[in-house]
């Protein structure tokens, strides 16, 4: 819906919105991001879904 929003706003160049959408689609889900944080050495990794799961807040602790 982002390119449509751009058109409704009157933006003629929707490439930025398509780029943003591509980044969203390729971003890891909550579990995958938590695993990446653990693999990076962080501890007590957890997340809280916000806005019905549209946004997730990840929390982790640095060792030591």
PDB file of N, CA and C in Angstrom:
ATOM      1  N   UNK A   1       0.819  -1.205   0.000  1.00  0.00           N
ATOM      2  CA  UNK A   1       0.000   0.000   0.000  1.00  0.00           C
ATOM      3  C   UNK A   1       0.862   1.269   0.000  1.00  0.00           C
ATOM      4  N   UNK A   2       2.168   1.147   0.262  1.00  0.00           N
ATOM      5  CA  UNK A   2       3.008   2.348   0.306  1.00  0.00           C
ATOM      6  C   UNK A   2       3.071   3.098  -1.025  1.00  0.00           C
ATOM      7  N   UNK A   3       3.254   2.411  -2.169  1.00  0.00           N
ATOM      8  CA  UNK A   3       3.244   3.163  -3.426  1.00  0.00           C
ATOM      9  C   UNK A   3       1.898   3.854  -3.676  1.00  0.00           C
ATOM     10  N   UNK A   4       0.809   3.238  -3.251  1.00  0.00           N
ATOM     11  CA  UNK A   4      -0.503   3.858  -3.399  1.00  0.00           C
ATOM     12  C   UNK A   4      -0.598   5.122  -2.541  1.00  0.00           C
ATOM     13  N   UNK A   5      -0.090   5.053  -1.328  1.00  0.00           N
ATOM     14  CA  UNK A   5      -0.079   6.227  -0.448  1.00  0.00           C
ATOM     15  C   UNK A   5       0.720   7.357  -1.101  1.00  0.00           C
ATOM     16  N   UNK A   6       1.821   7.003  -1.727  1.00  0.00           N
ATOM     17  CA  UNK A   6       2.641   8.022  -2.401  1.00  0.00           C
ATOM     18  C   UNK A   6       1.849   8.698  -3.508  1.00  0.00           C
ATOM     19  N   UNK A   7       1.121   7.904  -4.274  1.00  0.00           N
ATOM     20  CA  UNK A   7       0.323   8.483  -5.354  1.00  0.00           C
ATOM     21  C   UNK A   7      -0.778   9.379  -4.801  1.00  0.00           C
ATOM     22  N   UNK A   8      -1.410   8.943  -3.725  1.00  0.00           N
ATOM     23  CA  UNK A   8      -2.462   9.754  -3.121  1.00  0.00           C
ATOM     24  C   UNK A   8      -1.909  11.073  -2.584  1.00  0.00           C
ATOM     25  N   UNK A   9      -0.647  11.021  -2.122  1.00  0.00           N
ATOM     26  CA  UNK A   9       0.021  12.237  -1.635  1.00  0.00           C
ATOM     27  C   UNK A   9       0.410  13.172  -2.774  1.00  0.00           C
ATOM     28  N   UNK A  10       0.408  12.634  -3.983  1.00  0.00           N
ATOM     29  CA  UNK A  10       0.790  13.443  -5.129  1.00  0.00           C
ATOM     30  C   UNK A  10       2.235  13.253  -5.551  1.00  0.00           C
ATOM     31  N   UNK A  11       2.953  12.329  -4.909  1.00  0.00           N
ATOM     32  CA  UNK A  11       4.341  12.062  -5.286  1.00  0.00           C
ATOM     33  C   UNK A  11       4.371  11.339  -6.635  1.00  0.00           C
ATOM     34  N   UNK A  12       5.156  11.862  -7.552  1.00  0.00           N
ATOM     35  CA  UNK A  12       5.264  11.229  -8.866  1.00  0.00           C
ATOM     36  C   UNK A  12       6.285  10.099  -8.856  1.00  0.00           C
ATOM     37  N   UNK A  13       7.309  10.228  -8.048  1.00  0.00           N
ATOM     38  CA  UNK A  13       8.352   9.205  -7.964  1.00  0.00           C
ATOM     39  C   UNK A  13       8.085   8.328  -6.745  1.00  0.00           C
ATOM     40  N   UNK A  14       7.637   7.102  -6.973  1.00  0.00           N
ATOM     41  CA  UNK A  14       7.303   6.192  -5.871  1.00  0.00           C
ATOM     42  C   UNK A  14       8.443   5.224  -5.566  1.00  0.00           C
ATOM     43  N   UNK A  15       9.620   5.449  -6.159  1.00  0.00           N
ATOM     44  CA  UNK A  15      10.728   4.506  -5.972  1.00  0.00           C
ATOM     45  C   UNK A  15      11.156   4.413  -4.506  1.00  0.00           C
ATOM     46  N   UNK A  16      11.119   5.516  -3.788  1.00  0.00           N
ATOM     47  CA  UNK A  16      11.491   5.499  -2.372  1.00  0.00           C
ATOM     48  C   UNK A  16      10.558   4.591  -1.588  1.00  0.00           C
ATOM     49  N   UNK A  17       9.283   4.661  -1.892  1.00  0.00           N
ATOM     50  CA  UNK A  17       8.304   3.846  -1.183  1.00  0.00           C
ATOM     51  C   UNK A  17       8.482   2.364  -1.528  1.00  0.00           C
ATOM     52  N   UNK A  18       8.805   2.076  -2.787  1.00  0.00           N
ATOM     53  CA  UNK A  18       9.054   0.675  -3.174  1.00  0.00           C
ATOM     54  C   UNK A  18      10.320   0.151  -2.483  1.00  0.00           C
ATOM     55  N   UNK A  19      11.351   1.001  -2.377  1.00  0.00           N
ATOM     56  CA  UNK A  19      12.586   0.622  -1.686  1.00  0.00           C
ATOM     57  C   UNK A  19      12.297   0.331  -0.214  1.00  0.00           C
ATOM     58  N   UNK A  20      11.513   1.178   0.421  1.00  0.00           N
ATOM     59  CA  UNK A  20      11.136   0.998   1.825  1.00  0.00           C
ATOM     60  C   UNK A  20      10.368  -0.309   2.006  1.00  0.00           C
ATOM     61  N   UNK A  21       9.438  -0.587   1.123  1.00  0.00           N
ATOM     62  CA  UNK A  21       8.649  -1.806   1.194  1.00  0.00           C
ATOM     63  C   UNK A  21       9.535  -3.047   1.039  1.00  0.00           C
ATOM     64  N   UNK A  22      10.503  -2.988   0.129  1.00  0.00           N
ATOM     65  CA  UNK A  22      11.427  -4.107  -0.073  1.00  0.00           C
ATOM     66  C   UNK A  22      12.224  -4.381   1.203  1.00  0.00           C
ATOM     67  N   UNK A  23      12.664  -3.313   1.877  1.00  0.00           N
ATOM     68  CA  UNK A  23      13.397  -3.466   3.130  1.00  0.00           C
ATOM     69  C   UNK A  23      12.547  -4.114   4.207  1.00  0.00           C
ATOM     70  N   UNK A  24      11.284  -3.748   4.272  1.00  0.00           N
ATOM     71  CA  UNK A  24      10.371  -4.342   5.249  1.00  0.00           C
ATOM     72  C   UNK A  24      10.193  -5.827   4.972  1.00  0.00           C
ATOM     73  N   UNK A  25      10.001  -6.171   3.713  1.00  0.00           N
ATOM     74  CA  UNK A  25       9.779  -7.567   3.334  1.00  0.00           C
ATOM     75  C   UNK A  25      10.997  -8.436   3.634  1.00  0.00           C
ATOM     76  N   UNK A  26      12.196  -7.876   3.538  1.00  0.00           N
ATOM     77  CA  UNK A  26      13.412  -8.654   3.727  1.00  0.00           C
ATOM     78  C   UNK A  26      13.909  -8.658   5.168  1.00  0.00           C
ATOM     79  N   UNK A  27      13.296  -7.865   6.037  1.00  0.00           N
ATOM     80  CA  UNK A  27      13.730  -7.798   7.426  1.00  0.00           C
ATOM     81  C   UNK A  27      13.328  -9.094   8.131  1.00  0.00           C
ATOM     82  N   UNK A  28      14.192  -9.648   9.000  1.00  0.00           N
ATOM     83  CA  UNK A  28      13.864 -10.912   9.669  1.00  0.00           C
ATOM     84  C   UNK A  28      12.682 -10.763  10.627  1.00  0.00           C
ATOM     85  N   UNK A  29      11.946 -11.856  10.808  1.00  0.00           N
ATOM     86  CA  UNK A  29      10.844 -11.826  11.765  1.00  0.00           C
ATOM     87  C   UNK A  29      11.398 -11.824  13.188  1.00  0.00           C
ATOM     88  N   UNK A  30      10.517 -11.775  14.168  1.00  0.00           N
ATOM     89  CA  UNK A  30      10.932 -11.628  15.560  1.00  0.00           C
ATOM     90  C   UNK A  30      11.882 -12.744  16.008  1.00  0.00           C
ATOM     91  N   UNK A  31      11.516 -13.976  15.710  1.00  0.00           N
ATOM     92  CA  UNK A  31      12.334 -15.117  16.140  1.00  0.00           C
ATOM     93  C   UNK A  31      13.702 -15.101  15.472  1.00  0.00           C
ATOM     94  N   UNK A  32      13.721 -14.828  14.177  1.00  0.00           N
ATOM     95  CA  UNK A  32      14.991 -14.816  13.448  1.00  0.00           C
ATOM     96  C   UNK A  32      15.909 -13.698  13.957  1.00  0.00           C
ATOM     97  N   UNK A  33      15.351 -12.530  14.232  1.00  0.00           N
ATOM     98  CA  UNK A  33      16.169 -11.436  14.758  1.00  0.00           C
ATOM     99  C   UNK A  33      16.684 -11.782  16.154  1.00  0.00           C
ATOM    100  N   UNK A  34      15.854 -12.408  16.969  1.00  0.00           N
ATOM    101  CA  UNK A  34      16.293 -12.831  18.304  1.00  0.00           C
ATOM    102  C   UNK A  34      17.457 -13.818  18.191  1.00  0.00           C
ATOM    103  N   UNK A  35      17.387 -14.735  17.241  1.00  0.00           N
ATOM    104  CA  UNK A  35      18.472 -15.696  17.041  1.00  0.00           C
ATOM    105  C   UNK A  35      19.747 -14.987  16.605  1.00  0.00           C
ATOM    106  N   UNK A  36      19.619 -13.996  15.742  1.00  0.00           N
ATOM    107  CA  UNK A  36      20.798 -13.245  15.311  1.00  0.00           C
ATOM    108  C   UNK A  36      21.442 -12.513  16.493  1.00  0.00           C
ATOM    109  N   UNK A  37      20.620 -11.956  17.364  1.00  0.00           N
ATOM    110  CA  UNK A  37      21.150 -11.269  18.548  1.00  0.00           C
ATOM    111  C   UNK A  37      21.873 -12.254  19.465  1.00  0.00           C
ATOM    112  N   UNK A  38      21.307 -13.443  19.633  1.00  0.00           N
ATOM    113  CA  UNK A  38      21.957 -14.467  20.463  1.00  0.00           C
ATOM    114  C   UNK A  38      23.265 -14.914  19.839  1.00  0.00           C
ATOM    115  N   UNK A  39      23.280 -15.091  18.528  1.00  0.00           N
ATOM    116  CA  UNK A  39      24.502 -15.497  17.838  1.00  0.00           C
ATOM    117  C   UNK A  39      25.575 -14.422  17.932  1.00  0.00           C
ATOM    118  N   UNK A  40      25.164 -13.182  18.110  1.00  0.00           N
ATOM    119  CA  UNK A  40      26.113 -12.075  18.266  1.00  0.00           C
ATOM    120  C   UNK A  40      26.647 -11.998  19.694  1.00  0.00           C
ATOM    121  N   UNK A  41      26.154 -12.880  20.581  1.00  0.00           N
ATOM    122  CA  UNK A  41      26.672 -12.940  21.935  1.00  0.00           C
ATOM    123  C   UNK A  41      25.818 -12.272  22.997  1.00  0.00           C
ATOM    124  N   UNK A  42      24.657 -11.783  22.640  1.00  0.00           N
ATOM    125  CA  UNK A  42      23.784 -11.151  23.620  1.00  0.00           C
ATOM    126  C   UNK A  42      23.000 -12.212  24.397  1.00  0.00           C
ATOM    127  N   UNK A  43      22.602 -11.866  25.616  1.00  0.00           N
ATOM    128  CA  UNK A  43      21.912 -12.803  26.504  1.00  0.00           C
ATOM    129  C   UNK A  43      20.507 -12.295  26.824  1.00  0.00           C
ATOM    130  N   UNK A  44      19.700 -13.206  27.340  1.00  0.00           N
ATOM    131  CA  UNK A  44      18.330 -12.875  27.762  1.00  0.00           C
ATOM    132  C   UNK A  44      17.578 -12.114  26.670  1.00  0.00           C
ATOM    133  N   UNK A  45      17.667 -12.626  25.468  1.00  0.00           N
ATOM    134  CA  UNK A  45      17.014 -11.977  24.330  1.00  0.00           C
ATOM    135  C   UNK A  45      15.522 -12.284  24.379  1.00  0.00           C
ATOM    136  N   UNK A  46      14.740 -11.244  24.241  1.00  0.00           N
ATOM    137  CA  UNK A  46      13.293 -11.400  24.208  1.00  0.00           C
ATOM    138  C   UNK A  46      12.718 -10.253  23.387  1.00  0.00           C
ATOM    139  N   UNK A  47      11.453 -10.347  23.066  1.00  0.00           N
ATOM    140  CA  UNK A  47      10.812  -9.272  22.331  1.00  0.00           C
ATOM    141  C   UNK A  47       9.370  -9.118  22.781  1.00  0.00           C
ATOM    142  N   UNK A  48       8.864  -7.948  22.527  1.00  0.00           N
ATOM    143  CA  UNK A  48       7.473  -7.631  22.837  1.00  0.00           C
ATOM    144  C   UNK A  48       6.836  -7.068  21.572  1.00  0.00           C
ATOM    145  N   UNK A  49       5.764  -7.705  21.135  1.00  0.00           N
ATOM    146  CA  UNK A  49       5.046  -7.207  19.969  1.00  0.00           C
ATOM    147  C   UNK A  49       4.214  -5.986  20.353  1.00  0.00           C
ATOM    148  N   UNK A  50       4.270  -4.980  19.514  1.00  0.00           N
ATOM    149  CA  UNK A  50       3.490  -3.760  19.702  1.00  0.00           C
ATOM    150  C   UNK A  50       2.635  -3.531  18.457  1.00  0.00           C
ATOM    151  N   UNK A  51       1.601  -2.773  18.574  1.00  0.00           N
ATOM    152  CA  UNK A  51       0.729  -2.434  17.431  1.00  0.00           C
ATOM    153  C   UNK A  51       0.260  -3.677  16.691  1.00  0.00           C
ATOM    154  N   UNK A  52      -0.230  -4.647  17.468  1.00  0.00           N
ATOM    155  CA  UNK A  52      -0.753  -5.902  16.911  1.00  0.00           C
ATOM    156  C   UNK A  52       0.298  -6.672  16.110  1.00  0.00           C
ATOM    157  N   UNK A  53       1.558  -6.548  16.496  1.00  0.00           N
ATOM    158  CA  UNK A  53       2.631  -7.295  15.846  1.00  0.00           C
ATOM    159  C   UNK A  53       3.277  -6.584  14.678  1.00  0.00           C
ATOM    160  N   UNK A  54       2.816  -5.399  14.358  1.00  0.00           N
ATOM    161  CA  UNK A  54       3.427  -4.645  13.267  1.00  0.00           C
ATOM    162  C   UNK A  54       4.824  -4.195  13.666  1.00  0.00           C
ATOM    163  N   UNK A  55       5.001  -3.915  14.957  1.00  0.00           N
ATOM    164  CA  UNK A  55       6.278  -3.476  15.504  1.00  0.00           C
ATOM    165  C   UNK A  55       6.668  -4.437  16.615  1.00  0.00           C
ATOM    166  N   UNK A  56       7.935  -4.761  16.703  1.00  0.00           N
ATOM    167  CA  UNK A  56       8.420  -5.605  17.794  1.00  0.00           C
ATOM    168  C   UNK A  56       9.610  -4.916  18.450  1.00  0.00           C
ATOM    169  N   UNK A  57       9.578  -4.848  19.760  1.00  0.00           N
ATOM    170  CA  UNK A  57      10.669  -4.269  20.539  1.00  0.00           C
ATOM    171  C   UNK A  57      11.521  -5.415  21.069  1.00  0.00           C
ATOM    172  N   UNK A  58      12.765  -5.501  20.611  1.00  0.00           N
ATOM    173  CA  UNK A  58      13.681  -6.553  21.080  1.00  0.00           C
ATOM    174  C   UNK A  58      14.518  -5.999  22.213  1.00  0.00           C
ATOM    175  N   UNK A  59      14.710  -6.836  23.229  1.00  0.00           N
ATOM    176  CA  UNK A  59      15.471  -6.461  24.400  1.00  0.00           C
ATOM    177  C   UNK A  59      16.523  -7.550  24.631  1.00  0.00           C
ATOM    178  N   UNK A  60      17.751  -7.154  24.925  1.00  0.00           N
ATOM    179  CA  UNK A  60      18.818  -8.125  25.168  1.00  0.00           C
ATOM    180  C   UNK A  60      19.829  -7.511  26.128  1.00  0.00           C
ATOM    181  N   UNK A  61      20.635  -8.383  26.716  1.00  0.00           N
ATOM    182  CA  UNK A  61      21.682  -7.915  27.630  1.00  0.00           C
ATOM    183  C   UNK A  61      23.055  -8.247  27.066  1.00  0.00           C
ATOM    184  N   UNK A  62      23.954  -7.289  27.219  1.00  0.00           N
ATOM    185  CA  UNK A  62      25.341  -7.483  26.815  1.00  0.00           C
ATOM    186  C   UNK A  62      26.019  -8.317  27.908  1.00  0.00           C
ATOM    187  N   UNK A  63      26.814  -9.309  27.537  1.00  0.00           N
ATOM    188  CA  UNK A  63      27.477 -10.139  28.540  1.00  0.00           C
ATOM    189  C   UNK A  63      28.467  -9.318  29.383  1.00  0.00           C
ATOM    190  N   UNK A  64      28.625  -9.791  30.611  1.00  0.00           N
ATOM    191  CA  UNK A  64      29.613  -9.172  31.493  1.00  0.00           C
ATOM    192  C   UNK A  64      29.046  -7.993  32.153  1.00  0.00           C
TER     193      UNK A  64
END
